[in-house]
Protein backbone atom coordinates (compact mmCIF):
# COMPACT_ATOMS: atom_id res chain seq x y z
CA UNK A 1 -6.21 18.89 3.87
CA UNK A 2 -9.56 17.27 5.57
CA UNK A 3 -11.15 14.17 3.92
CA UNK A 4 -14.12 12.26 5.01
CA UNK A 5 -13.88 8.66 3.58
CA UNK A 6 -16.64 5.83 3.74
CA UNK A 7 -15.64 2.32 2.89
CA UNK A 8 -18.37 -0.24 2.51
CA UNK A 9 -17.43 -4.03 2.14
CA UNK A 10 -20.65 -6.59 1.68
CA UNK A 11 -20.44 -10.12 0.77
CA UNK A 12 -23.73 -11.88 -0.41
CA UNK A 13 -23.81 -15.35 -0.06
CA UNK A 14 -25.85 -17.94 -2.19
CA UNK A 15 -26.73 -19.98 0.72
CA UNK A 16 -26.98 -19.48 4.47
CA UNK A 17 -23.61 -19.53 6.18
CA UNK A 18 -22.45 -19.33 9.88
CA UNK A 19 -19.64 -19.20 12.12
CA UNK A 20 -17.85 -16.14 10.39
CA UNK A 21 -14.74 -14.96 11.80
CA UNK A 22 -13.14 -11.74 10.58
CA UNK A 23 -10.59 -8.95 10.79
CA UNK A 24 -10.67 -5.62 9.70
CA UNK A 25 -7.72 -3.31 8.60
CA UNK A 26 -9.76 -0.04 8.20
CA UNK A 27 -8.54 2.20 10.73
CA UNK A 28 -6.18 5.44 9.72
CA UNK A 29 -2.82 5.85 11.09
CA UNK A 30 -2.10 9.02 13.48
CA UNK A 31 1.47 10.10 12.42
CA UNK A 32 3.68 13.04 11.32
CA UNK A 33 1.56 12.81 7.95
CA UNK A 34 -1.88 12.67 8.82
CA UNK A 35 -4.46 12.80 12.02
CA UNK A 36 -7.58 10.46 12.26
CA UNK A 37 -10.07 13.10 14.02
CA UNK A 38 -12.99 10.36 13.81
CA UNK A 39 -13.38 6.67 12.70
CA UNK A 40 -16.34 4.20 12.83
CA UNK A 41 -16.92 0.63 12.08
CA UNK A 42 -20.33 -1.05 12.16
CA UNK A 43 -21.20 -4.49 11.16
CA UNK A 44 -24.48 -6.29 10.03
CA UNK A 45 -25.44 -8.80 11.35
CA UNK A 46 -24.59 -6.80 14.08
CA UNK A 47 -21.58 -8.19 16.36
CA UNK A 48 -19.24 -6.78 19.00
CA UNK A 49 -15.89 -5.81 17.75
CA UNK A 50 -12.64 -5.82 19.61
CA UNK A 51 -9.11 -4.35 18.86
CA UNK A 52 -5.55 -4.95 19.08
CA UNK A 53 -2.23 -3.79 17.02
CA UNK A 54 -0.82 -6.36 14.94
CA UNK A 55 2.98 -6.85 14.47
CA UNK A 56 3.38 -4.40 12.28
CA UNK A 57 1.58 -1.47 14.42
CA UNK A 58 -1.74 -1.45 12.39
CA UNK A 59 -5.01 -1.70 14.10
CA UNK A 60 -7.36 -4.56 13.47
CA UNK A 61 -10.86 -4.85 14.53
CA UNK A 62 -11.95 -8.47 14.81
CA UNK A 63 -15.38 -9.92 15.25
CA UNK A 64 -17.40 -13.35 14.95
CA UNK A 65 -20.87 -13.62 13.70
CA UNK A 66 -22.06 -17.42 14.82
CA UNK A 67 -25.70 -17.47 13.87
CA UNK A 68 -27.00 -18.12 10.07
CA UNK A 69 -26.67 -15.16 7.77
CA UNK A 70 -26.98 -14.48 4.10
CA UNK A 71 -25.43 -11.06 4.05
CA UNK A 72 -22.41 -9.83 5.54
CA UNK A 73 -21.70 -5.78 5.58
CA UNK A 74 -19.11 -3.80 6.80
CA UNK A 75 -19.12 -0.16 7.19
CA UNK A 76 -16.27 2.22 8.29
CA UNK A 77 -16.39 5.82 8.21
CA UNK A 78 -13.34 8.37 8.93
CA UNK A 79 -12.24 11.84 9.00
CA UNK A 80 -8.79 12.47 8.31
CA UNK A 81 -6.30 15.55 8.34
CA UNK A 82 -3.39 15.42 6.00
CA UNK A 83 -0.25 17.33 5.54
CA UNK A 84 1.54 18.30 2.62
CA UNK A 85 4.17 16.14 1.08
CA UNK A 86 7.81 15.89 2.01
CA UNK A 87 10.55 16.20 -0.67
CA UNK A 88 14.09 16.31 -0.27
CA UNK A 89 15.85 19.35 -1.90
CA UNK A 90 17.73 18.62 -4.54
CA UNK A 91 21.06 17.01 -3.73
CA UNK A 92 19.92 16.38 -0.06
CA UNK A 93 19.03 12.87 -0.17
CA UNK A 94 19.82 12.20 3.67
CA UNK A 95 23.26 10.82 4.29
CA UNK A 96 25.86 11.41 1.39
CA UNK A 97 25.15 8.23 -1.37
CA UNK A 98 27.93 6.50 -0.65
CA UNK A 99 27.69 6.34 2.90
CA UNK A 100 23.97 5.46 2.59
CA UNK A 101 24.37 2.62 0.62
CA UNK A 102 27.06 1.39 2.99
CA UNK A 103 24.71 1.84 5.91
CA UNK A 104 21.92 -0.29 3.78
CA UNK A 105 24.69 -2.78 3.37
CA UNK A 106 25.67 -3.19 6.76
CA UNK A 107 24.53 -5.53 10.08
CA UNK A 108 22.51 -2.76 11.77
CA UNK A 109 20.39 -2.49 8.99
CA UNK A 110 19.85 -6.39 8.21
CA UNK A 111 18.96 -6.76 11.55
CA UNK A 112 16.63 -3.70 12.17
CA UNK A 113 14.57 -3.98 8.79
CA UNK A 114 14.72 -7.76 8.34
CA UNK A 115 11.12 -8.44 7.41
CA UNK A 116 11.19 -5.52 4.86
CA UNK A 117 14.37 -6.54 3.24
CA UNK A 118 13.51 -10.43 2.69
CA UNK A 119 11.47 -11.49 -0.39
CA UNK A 120 8.05 -12.92 0.24
CA UNK A 121 5.69 -14.79 -2.11
CA UNK A 122 4.20 -11.52 -3.71
CA UNK A 123 7.88 -9.95 -4.08
CA UNK A 124 10.04 -12.64 -4.90
CA UNK A 125 13.56 -11.15 -6.46
CA UNK A 126 13.76 -13.17 -9.62
CA UNK A 127 16.73 -12.59 -11.88
CA UNK A 128 14.32 -10.64 -13.80
CA UNK A 129 13.55 -8.18 -11.21
CA UNK A 130 17.10 -7.62 -10.21
CA UNK A 131 17.83 -6.80 -13.77
CA UNK A 132 14.85 -4.36 -13.49
CA UNK A 133 16.51 -2.58 -10.50
CA UNK A 134 19.52 -2.72 -12.00
CA UNK A 135 18.54 -0.92 -15.05
CA UNK A 136 16.72 1.79 -13.20
CA UNK A 137 20.54 2.68 -12.12
CA UNK A 138 22.04 2.31 -15.43
CA UNK A 139 19.88 4.53 -17.38
CA UNK A 140 20.64 7.63 -14.91
CA UNK A 141 23.07 10.20 -16.48
CA UNK A 142 26.24 10.41 -14.57
CA UNK A 143 25.35 7.60 -12.31
CA UNK A 144 28.74 6.00 -12.90
CA UNK A 145 29.55 2.28 -12.15
CA UNK A 146 26.91 1.72 -9.66
CA UNK A 147 24.20 2.62 -7.06
CA UNK A 148 26.86 4.56 -4.79
CA UNK A 149 26.69 7.41 -7.46
CA UNK A 150 23.18 7.85 -7.19
CA UNK A 151 21.52 8.88 -3.65
CA UNK A 152 19.05 6.51 -2.13
CA UNK A 153 16.07 8.86 -2.52
CA UNK A 154 16.87 9.58 -5.83
CA UNK A 155 17.12 5.86 -6.86
CA UNK A 156 13.60 5.26 -5.25
CA UNK A 157 12.24 8.18 -7.05
CA UNK A 158 13.63 7.13 -10.54
CA UNK A 159 12.30 3.81 -9.97
CA UNK A 160 9.25 4.84 -8.92
CA UNK A 161 9.03 6.45 -12.61
CA UNK A 162 10.09 3.75 -14.16
CA UNK A 163 7.39 1.74 -13.26
CA UNK A 164 4.71 4.12 -13.92
CA UNK A 165 6.43 5.08 -17.42
CA UNK A 166 6.94 1.40 -18.79
CA UNK A 167 3.68 -0.46 -17.57
CA UNK A 168 0.08 -0.06 -18.40
CA UNK A 169 -2.72 0.18 -15.88
CA UNK A 170 -5.06 -2.47 -16.56
CA UNK A 171 -7.78 -3.84 -14.14
CA UNK A 172 -8.49 -6.91 -16.17
CA UNK A 173 -4.52 -7.79 -16.81
CA UNK A 174 -4.18 -9.23 -13.35
CA UNK A 175 -5.81 -10.78 -10.00
CA UNK A 176 -5.24 -10.22 -6.20
CA UNK A 177 -2.91 -13.41 -6.41
CA UNK A 178 -0.71 -11.68 -9.25
CA UNK A 179 3.20 -11.56 -7.95
CA UNK A 180 6.02 -9.27 -8.71
CA UNK A 181 7.52 -11.74 -11.55
CA UNK A 182 4.14 -12.23 -13.56
CA UNK A 183 3.28 -8.48 -13.60
CA UNK A 184 6.85 -7.84 -14.90
CA UNK A 185 6.63 -9.89 -17.90
CA UNK A 186 2.99 -9.13 -18.44
CA UNK A 187 4.05 -5.33 -18.26
CA UNK A 188 0.50 -4.41 -17.25
CA UNK A 189 -1.76 -4.45 -13.83
CA UNK A 190 -3.31 -2.42 -11.02
CA UNK A 191 -1.75 -0.49 -8.16
CA UNK A 192 -1.20 -3.58 -5.88
CA UNK A 193 1.07 -5.10 -8.78
CA UNK A 194 3.23 -2.04 -9.27
CA UNK A 195 3.57 -1.88 -5.56
CA UNK A 196 4.91 -5.48 -5.21
CA UNK A 197 7.23 -4.85 -8.14
CA UNK A 198 8.91 -1.72 -6.52
CA UNK A 199 8.94 -3.57 -3.20
CA UNK A 200 10.81 -6.35 -5.02
CA UNK A 201 13.08 -4.02 -6.79
CA UNK A 202 13.90 -2.37 -3.52
CA UNK A 203 14.80 -5.55 -1.52
CA UNK A 204 16.96 -6.68 -4.46
CA UNK A 205 19.22 -3.58 -3.92
CA UNK A 206 18.94 -3.58 -0.20
CA UNK A 207 16.87 -0.93 0.17
CA UNK A 208 14.20 -1.68 3.13
CA UNK A 209 10.36 -1.34 1.74
CA UNK A 210 6.93 -1.98 2.71
CA UNK A 211 3.71 -2.17 1.26
CA UNK A 212 0.81 0.49 2.30
CA UNK A 213 -3.05 0.18 2.01
CA UNK A 214 -5.12 3.42 2.04
CA UNK A 215 -6.48 5.79 -0.27
CA UNK A 216 -5.77 8.47 -3.05
CA UNK A 217 -8.19 11.60 -3.10
CA UNK A 218 -8.30 12.36 -6.77
CA UNK A 219 -12.40 13.42 -6.80
CA UNK A 220 -11.78 17.17 -7.22
CA UNK A 221 -9.79 16.41 -10.30
CA UNK A 222 -12.26 14.59 -12.03
CA UNK A 223 -14.41 17.59 -12.97
CA UNK A 224 -16.52 17.34 -10.37
CA UNK A 225 -18.43 13.76 -12.11
CA UNK A 226 -20.42 12.36 -9.51
CA UNK A 227 -19.89 9.01 -11.63
CA UNK A 228 -16.04 8.33 -10.83
CA UNK A 229 -15.68 5.39 -9.42
CA UNK A 230 -13.20 5.38 -6.30
CA UNK A 231 -11.60 2.48 -4.79
CA UNK A 232 -8.56 1.75 -2.00
CA UNK A 233 -5.07 2.09 -3.47
CA UNK A 234 -1.82 0.77 -2.54
CA UNK A 235 1.61 2.18 -2.52
CA UNK A 236 4.99 2.05 -1.36
CA UNK A 237 7.32 2.96 1.61
CA UNK A 238 11.15 3.03 1.59
CA UNK A 239 13.78 3.54 3.95
CA UNK A 240 16.21 6.23 3.12
CA UNK A 241 19.32 6.66 5.82
CA UNK A 242 19.08 10.07 7.08
CA UNK A 243 15.25 10.92 6.16
CA UNK A 244 13.39 7.61 7.59
CA UNK A 245 10.59 6.12 5.81
CA UNK A 246 9.50 7.57 2.57
CA UNK A 247 6.53 7.36 0.49
CA UNK A 248 6.55 6.55 -3.30
CA UNK A 249 3.46 5.75 -5.75
CA UNK A 250 4.31 3.94 -8.81
CA UNK A 251 1.21 4.16 -10.15
CA UNK A 252 0.17 8.18 -10.03
CA UNK A 253 2.70 10.75 -10.92
CA UNK A 254 2.01 12.49 -7.43
CA UNK A 255 3.93 13.10 -4.21
CA UNK A 256 2.50 10.69 -1.24
CA UNK A 257 1.11 13.80 0.93
CA UNK A 258 -1.98 15.39 1.32
CA UNK A 259 -4.25 13.42 -0.85
CA UNK A 260 -3.10 10.39 0.64
CA UNK A 261 -4.64 8.47 3.77
CA UNK A 262 -2.66 5.71 5.27
CA UNK A 263 -4.48 2.55 6.71
CA UNK A 264 -2.00 0.20 7.33
CA UNK A 265 1.49 -1.28 6.43
CA UNK A 266 3.06 -4.74 5.94
CA UNK A 267 5.50 -6.90 3.86
CA UNK A 268 3.14 -7.13 0.78
CA UNK A 269 -0.78 -7.42 0.76
CA UNK A 270 -1.10 -10.10 2.33
CA UNK A 271 -0.19 -8.41 5.44
CA UNK A 272 -2.87 -5.74 5.77
CA UNK A 273 -5.93 -7.24 3.60
CA UNK A 274 -8.39 -4.76 4.46
CA UNK A 275 -11.15 -7.33 5.12
CA UNK A 276 -10.32 -10.98 5.63
CA UNK A 277 -12.36 -13.82 7.41
CA UNK A 278 -13.61 -17.33 7.49
CA UNK A 279 -16.90 -18.86 7.57
CA UNK A 280 -19.03 -22.27 7.48
CA UNK A 281 -21.10 -22.88 4.57
CA UNK A 282 -21.55 -22.31 0.58
CA UNK A 283 -18.28 -21.16 -1.42
CA UNK A 284 -20.11 -18.76 -3.62
CA UNK A 285 -20.33 -15.61 -2.72
CA UNK A 286 -20.67 -12.19 -4.43
CA UNK A 287 -18.01 -9.39 -3.04
CA UNK A 288 -19.22 -5.80 -3.51
CA UNK A 289 -17.37 -2.74 -2.07
CA UNK A 290 -17.73 0.73 -2.74
CA UNK A 291 -15.16 3.60 -1.39
CA UNK A 292 -16.37 7.35 -1.19
CA UNK A 293 -13.58 10.23 -0.47
CA UNK A 294 -14.49 13.31 -0.26
CA UNK A 295 -12.97 16.90 0.85
CA UNK A 296 -14.59 17.94 3.81
CA UNK A 297 -15.94 21.37 4.28
CA UNK A 298 -13.66 23.86 6.28
């Protein structure tokens, strides 16, 4: 599927500000799931950009606006070709379940994926989170007395479905600072919260998991409505022995495939904030973000 995406971030300040230093993580990956054919970023007031790859391999564009300004606008456009989702055949979860879980519990996995196994401020493994992860195992038929009876991929799919079915999508219930434990108690949140909860649950069972930011194209599923509001999206990638990193979306009942465009990944939201920066001046500002994802003509 060929998708064209435009993403505009605009800050309007009450008074003039200066010395604005910013980082932008809005460049799509090119990997086995997608190919970025075109990408451009522009900034107003005009400023030169320089780029680098961060620790996690995400492309970062940085810039500074030193002179006074009352508005900052960042526009990103891209064209990405995506591929269909990969789904293991029933009963083929990579390594045999017992071997897979034993490998994840070993020293090699702990050293290789340390940053995606340790809790963070957003994904702290509380007793409630651990109990939630255990309940995902217990509710599976023929799962025996532990995770070894359920393949890693199958368990991850069950965990994603459990979050989607038991929690309510509610944009007013949480904010950008909400952590997994809080969302678990409130039983409602947004894609960022759903992803953080799944990541915390994965790490409680020793499954490496990372937070993914990007876009989910659903415009053609909305009856062609021009008023459909689009936004950035978040989901999860977890490591399955024998298969590698696999995508799961605990918010939507969909496989992570051709309708998804990945921008970046990290330990949690804090690692891959799309736009972040500091400046000198008033703390009063209005943020407006608009996202448009369209299927490009072949």
